[in-house]
Protein backbone atom coordinates (compact mmCIF):
# COMPACT_ATOMS: atom_id res chain seq x y z
CA MET A 1 126.18 159.83 28.65
CA GLN A 2 122.89 159.77 30.53
CA LEU A 3 121.51 156.56 31.97
CA GLY A 4 118.70 156.85 34.50
CA TYR A 5 116.75 154.12 36.19
CA ILE A 6 113.78 153.60 38.43
CA SER A 7 113.35 150.74 40.86
CA LEU A 8 109.94 150.85 42.49
CA GLN A 9 108.45 148.45 45.04
CA GLY A 10 105.48 146.29 44.10
CA ARG A 11 104.55 143.94 41.30
CA GLY A 12 104.15 145.90 38.08
CA ALA A 13 104.98 149.27 39.67
CA ASN A 14 107.85 149.98 37.27
CA ASP A 15 105.63 149.10 34.30
CA LEU A 16 102.83 151.46 35.34
CA PHE A 17 105.26 154.26 36.18
CA LEU A 18 107.14 154.01 32.86
CA ALA A 19 103.84 153.95 30.95
CA ASP A 20 102.95 157.22 32.71
CA VAL A 21 106.37 158.64 31.81
CA ALA A 22 105.89 157.71 28.14
CA LYS A 23 102.42 159.31 28.13
CA GLY A 24 103.83 162.46 29.72
CA LEU A 25 106.54 162.70 27.07
CA SER A 26 104.30 161.93 24.10
CA GLY A 27 104.50 164.76 21.58
CA ARG A 28 107.40 166.34 23.46
CA LEU A 29 110.22 163.91 22.62
CA ARG A 30 110.71 161.27 19.96
CA LEU A 31 110.62 158.06 21.98
CA CYS A 32 111.78 154.57 21.22
CA GLY A 33 111.84 151.51 23.40
CA THR A 34 109.09 149.72 25.24
CA VAL A 35 106.51 149.93 27.97
CA GLN A 36 104.84 146.84 29.39
CA THR A 37 101.24 146.07 30.27
CA ASN A 38 100.39 143.09 32.48
CA THR A 39 96.87 141.65 32.42
CA ASP A 40 95.81 139.18 35.11
CA ARG A 41 93.54 136.33 34.09
CA ALA A 42 91.22 134.52 36.50
CA ASP A 43 91.99 131.17 34.85
CA ARG A 44 95.82 131.49 35.00
CA ARG A 45 98.50 131.88 37.65
CA LYS A 46 100.59 134.00 35.33
CA CYS A 47 99.53 137.27 33.74
CA ASP A 48 99.62 138.09 30.05
CA MET A 49 102.52 140.42 29.26
CA ASP A 50 102.42 142.85 26.35
CA LEU A 51 105.10 145.27 25.15
CA GLN A 52 104.22 148.43 23.31
CA LEU A 53 106.92 149.64 20.93
CA LEU A 54 107.12 153.37 21.56
CA SER A 55 108.43 154.17 18.08
CA THR A 56 105.44 152.63 16.27
CA GLY A 57 102.74 151.95 18.85
CA GLU A 58 102.73 148.25 17.90
CA VAL A 59 101.86 145.88 20.76
CA LEU A 60 103.59 142.50 21.05
CA ARG A 61 102.53 139.66 23.37
CA ILE A 62 105.78 138.61 25.06
CA SER A 63 104.30 135.90 27.27
CA GLU A 64 103.47 132.37 26.27
CA ASP A 65 100.29 130.75 27.53
CA ARG A 66 101.59 127.53 29.06
CA GLY A 67 98.34 126.52 30.69
CA ALA A 68 96.48 127.17 33.90
CA LEU A 69 99.02 125.51 36.19
CA ALA A 70 102.18 126.92 34.62
CA ARG A 71 104.93 128.06 36.95
CA GLY A 72 108.19 129.80 36.22
CA CYS A 73 109.00 132.22 33.45
CA THR A 74 106.54 132.51 30.58
CA LEU A 75 108.61 134.98 28.54
CA ASP A 76 108.54 134.30 24.80
CA THR A 77 112.18 135.05 24.00
CA SER A 78 111.59 135.08 20.23
CA VAL A 79 109.07 137.93 20.60
CA LEU A 80 111.46 139.72 22.97
CA ALA A 81 114.14 139.42 20.28
CA GLN A 82 111.69 140.91 17.75
CA ALA A 83 111.11 143.87 20.11
CA THR A 84 114.84 144.45 20.61
CA VAL A 85 115.51 144.43 16.85
CA ALA A 86 112.68 146.91 16.23
CA THR A 87 113.93 149.14 19.04
CA GLY A 88 117.51 149.03 17.80
CA ALA A 89 116.33 150.07 14.35
CA ALA A 90 114.49 153.07 15.84
CA LEU A 91 117.43 154.47 17.85
CA SER A 92 118.67 156.86 15.17
CA GLY A 93 115.35 158.73 15.03
CA ALA A 94 114.81 159.04 18.78
CA ASP A 95 115.54 161.55 21.53
CA LEU A 96 115.15 159.06 24.40
CA LEU A 97 115.18 155.28 24.84
CA ILE A 98 112.87 153.79 27.47
CA VAL A 99 113.41 150.14 28.39
CA ASN A 100 110.65 148.71 30.54
CA LYS A 101 112.82 146.16 32.31
CA PHE A 102 116.41 145.21 32.88
CA GLY A 103 115.49 141.63 33.65
CA LYS A 104 117.00 138.17 33.80
CA THR A 105 117.64 138.10 30.06
CA GLU A 106 119.53 141.42 30.23
CA THR A 107 121.59 140.33 33.26
CA GLY A 108 123.02 137.61 31.02
CA GLY A 109 123.91 140.15 28.32
CA GLY A 110 120.89 139.47 26.10
CA GLY A 111 117.56 141.13 25.47
CA PHE A 112 117.78 144.91 25.59
CA ALA A 113 121.31 145.03 27.10
CA PRO A 114 123.03 145.48 23.70
CA VAL A 115 120.43 148.06 22.63
CA ILE A 116 121.03 150.06 25.82
CA GLY A 117 124.78 149.95 25.12
CA GLU A 118 124.29 151.02 21.51
CA ALA A 119 122.03 153.91 22.54
CA LEU A 120 124.58 155.16 25.06
CA CYS A 121 127.35 154.94 22.45
CA LEU A 122 125.18 157.10 20.17
CA GLY A 123 124.75 159.64 22.97
CA LEU A 124 121.05 158.79 23.32
CA PRO A 125 119.77 159.10 26.90
CA VAL A 126 118.24 155.96 28.38
CA LEU A 127 115.62 155.38 31.09
CA VAL A 128 115.34 151.82 32.43
CA GLY A 129 113.08 150.02 34.89
CA VAL A 130 114.97 147.68 37.23
CA ASN A 131 113.53 145.46 39.94
CA LYS A 132 115.36 145.09 43.26
CA LEU A 133 116.44 141.52 42.44
CA ASN A 134 118.30 142.60 39.29
CA LEU A 135 119.61 145.91 40.63
CA PRO A 136 123.11 144.62 41.54
CA MET A 137 123.57 143.17 38.03
CA PHE A 138 122.28 146.37 36.45
CA GLU A 139 124.71 148.42 38.51
CA ASP A 140 127.55 146.15 37.33
CA PHE A 141 126.35 146.55 33.73
CA ALA A 142 126.19 150.35 34.13
CA GLY A 143 129.68 150.55 35.62
CA GLY A 144 128.76 153.32 38.05
CA LEU A 145 127.32 155.55 35.31
CA ALA A 146 123.61 155.06 36.10
CA GLU A 147 121.61 157.60 38.05
CA ALA A 148 118.85 156.41 40.39
CA LEU A 149 115.78 158.55 39.78
CA PRO A 150 113.18 159.31 42.44
CA GLU A 151 109.74 157.77 42.61
CA ASP A 152 108.25 161.05 41.46
CA LEU A 153 106.70 161.39 38.01
CA ARG A 154 107.41 165.12 37.66
CA SER A 155 111.09 164.66 38.53
CA VAL A 156 111.51 161.79 36.07
CA LEU A 157 109.70 163.70 33.32
CA ASP A 158 111.99 166.68 33.95
CA TRP A 159 115.08 164.43 33.78
CA CYS A 160 113.86 162.89 30.51
CA LEU A 161 113.05 166.26 28.97
CA ARG A 162 116.43 167.75 29.92
CA ALA A 163 118.30 164.70 28.64
CA GLY A 164 116.19 164.24 25.51
CA LEU A 165 116.15 167.89 24.48
CA CYS A 166 119.94 168.11 24.92
CA HIS A 167 120.28 165.11 22.62
CA ALA A 168 117.85 166.59 20.06
CA ALA A 169 119.75 169.91 19.91
């Protein structure tokens, strides 16, 4: 079982890094999962959040526009559920699962947590982005089986290729 994670400092750093990883693996491995793009808006406190499904290229808006003064979480959980179902359906044809974020939803056992578990049970390697706040819960979820990967694109690409090509063989 191979479960790797990155936990980079800075708002959106994991998202940008994982998008670079997915680009670097494109055409080399069959990917499923998600990468996230955040777009700041001058008229809003909160950014727009979009998930790209790696198996199809489809982009889903996972944030709700709650107005200019909105505070707190703007995650549209119904769209997140749609993304998890689509990702779960793509597991059997993939060499690697990338999950953009092990977030608050996953710490409670929802979101992508069951998909990560299913992938690991299938022997599919998994790469996850985890912020520092959720790292202790992710480590509990992983049960000591997760490997922290360095903040180095080449090293992470190499890890993904080794893990994904072993799975594909």
